[in-house]
Amino acid sequence: MSFFIPDAYAQASQQPDMFTGLLLPMIFLAVVFYFLIIRPQSKRTKEHKTMLAELKKGDEVTTSGGLLGKVTRIGESFVEIEVAASTVVRVQKHAVSNLMPKGTLKSAD
């Protein structure tokens, strides 16, 4: 019988290393999430804050609601935007989403 089934020898059981087994994949996922999600989002937030800080009267902007207009007045937390002749809308500053190139209003007609 021992011809077909080799004798079993006692071996020390090898447990998987904690670092390579569980910790290494977790670190890899954290790095991937940082470079694919967290870093680009913080970069966009920083660019938006810079754009809002540099906003000035006469700039053509779009809001997050889709309004296109010209900035007529800038306050501490609100911006007034002229969307049509003598039609001024007051929105919160963070609602301004994009700064458009000069002449966009003329080409939008």
Protein backbone atom coordinates (compact mmCIF):
# COMPACT_ATOMS: atom_id res chain seq x y z
CA MET A 1 0.00 0.00 0.00
CA SER A 2 2.78 2.41 0.67
CA PHE A 3 3.66 2.19 -2.99
CA PHE A 4 0.69 4.33 -4.01
CA ILE A 5 0.35 6.58 -0.97
CA PRO A 6 3.58 8.13 0.27
CA ASP A 7 4.14 8.40 3.96
CA ALA A 8 3.08 11.73 5.40
CA TYR A 9 5.85 13.63 7.06
CA ALA A 10 5.09 16.18 9.70
CA GLN A 11 5.84 19.67 8.47
CA ALA A 12 5.71 22.92 10.27
CA SER A 13 2.63 24.74 9.00
CA GLN A 14 3.54 27.90 7.20
CA GLN A 15 1.18 30.76 7.92
CA PRO A 16 0.94 33.50 5.32
CA ASP A 17 2.90 36.61 6.15
CA MET A 18 0.57 39.33 7.48
CA PHE A 19 2.24 42.09 5.45
CA THR A 20 2.09 40.41 2.05
CA GLY A 21 -1.19 38.65 2.68
CA LEU A 22 -3.44 41.47 3.80
CA LEU A 23 -1.61 44.71 4.35
CA LEU A 24 0.11 45.06 0.98
CA PRO A 25 -3.12 44.90 -1.08
CA MET A 26 -4.76 47.42 1.26
CA ILE A 27 -1.86 49.85 0.85
CA PHE A 28 -2.00 49.38 -2.92
CA LEU A 29 -5.74 50.18 -2.98
CA ALA A 30 -5.22 53.27 -0.83
CA VAL A 31 -2.55 54.56 -3.22
CA VAL A 32 -4.78 53.90 -6.25
CA PHE A 33 -7.72 55.71 -4.63
CA TYR A 34 -5.50 58.66 -3.76
CA PHE A 35 -4.18 59.11 -7.29
CA LEU A 36 -7.44 58.38 -9.11
CA ILE A 37 -10.02 60.03 -6.85
CA ILE A 38 -8.74 62.19 -3.99
CA ARG A 39 -5.91 64.07 -5.70
CA PRO A 40 -7.86 65.13 -8.85
CA GLN A 41 -10.83 66.25 -6.75
CA SER A 42 -8.69 68.39 -4.45
CA LYS A 43 -6.97 69.87 -7.52
CA ARG A 44 -10.35 70.82 -9.05
CA THR A 45 -11.47 72.35 -5.75
CA LYS A 46 -8.31 74.45 -5.53
CA GLU A 47 -8.73 75.66 -9.14
CA HIS A 48 -12.37 76.62 -8.46
CA LYS A 49 -11.41 78.60 -5.35
CA THR A 50 -8.70 80.40 -7.32
CA MET A 51 -11.16 81.21 -10.11
CA LEU A 52 -13.67 82.63 -7.62
CA ALA A 53 -10.98 84.73 -5.91
CA GLU A 54 -9.91 86.23 -9.26
CA LEU A 55 -13.47 86.93 -10.42
CA LYS A 56 -14.00 90.58 -11.37
CA LYS A 57 -16.69 92.87 -12.72
CA GLY A 58 -17.27 92.36 -16.46
CA ASP A 59 -16.28 88.69 -16.55
CA GLU A 60 -18.58 86.37 -18.46
CA VAL A 61 -19.51 83.32 -16.41
CA THR A 62 -21.83 80.33 -16.29
CA THR A 63 -23.52 79.15 -13.15
CA SER A 64 -24.10 75.60 -11.98
CA GLY A 65 -27.75 76.09 -12.97
CA GLY A 66 -26.78 76.87 -16.57
CA LEU A 67 -27.18 80.64 -16.62
CA LEU A 68 -24.79 82.56 -18.86
CA GLY A 69 -24.17 86.20 -18.03
CA LYS A 70 -21.85 89.05 -17.19
CA VAL A 71 -20.75 89.81 -13.63
CA THR A 72 -22.02 93.23 -12.54
CA ARG A 73 -21.22 93.17 -8.83
CA ILE A 74 -19.24 90.94 -6.49
CA GLY A 75 -19.97 90.73 -2.79
CA GLU A 76 -18.57 88.71 0.07
CA SER A 77 -20.62 85.60 -0.70
CA PHE A 78 -22.95 86.67 -3.54
CA VAL A 79 -22.43 87.67 -7.17
CA GLU A 80 -24.83 89.63 -9.36
CA ILE A 81 -24.97 88.46 -12.95
CA GLU A 82 -26.68 90.28 -15.81
CA VAL A 83 -28.33 87.59 -17.93
CA ALA A 84 -30.26 89.91 -20.26
CA ALA A 85 -30.66 93.65 -20.75
CA SER A 86 -31.65 95.06 -17.33
CA THR A 87 -32.17 91.55 -15.89
CA VAL A 88 -29.82 90.93 -12.99
CA VAL A 89 -29.73 87.68 -11.03
CA ARG A 90 -28.09 87.32 -7.65
CA VAL A 91 -26.45 83.93 -6.96
CA GLN A 92 -24.14 82.55 -4.34
CA LYS A 93 -20.50 82.86 -5.25
CA HIS A 94 -19.84 79.12 -5.21
CA ALA A 95 -22.64 78.64 -7.80
CA VAL A 96 -20.40 80.22 -10.46
CA SER A 97 -19.00 77.19 -12.22
CA ASN A 98 -16.99 78.46 -15.21
CA LEU A 99 -15.29 81.59 -16.39
CA MET A 100 -16.04 81.97 -20.09
CA PRO A 101 -13.84 83.67 -22.72
CA LYS A 102 -14.64 87.29 -23.59
CA GLY A 103 -17.28 87.57 -26.32
CA THR A 104 -19.13 84.41 -25.41
CA LEU A 105 -22.35 86.34 -24.77
CA LYS A 106 -22.29 87.89 -28.25
CA SER A 107 -21.73 84.52 -29.92
CA ALA A 108 -24.49 82.86 -27.83
CA ASP A 109 -27.26 85.01 -29.40
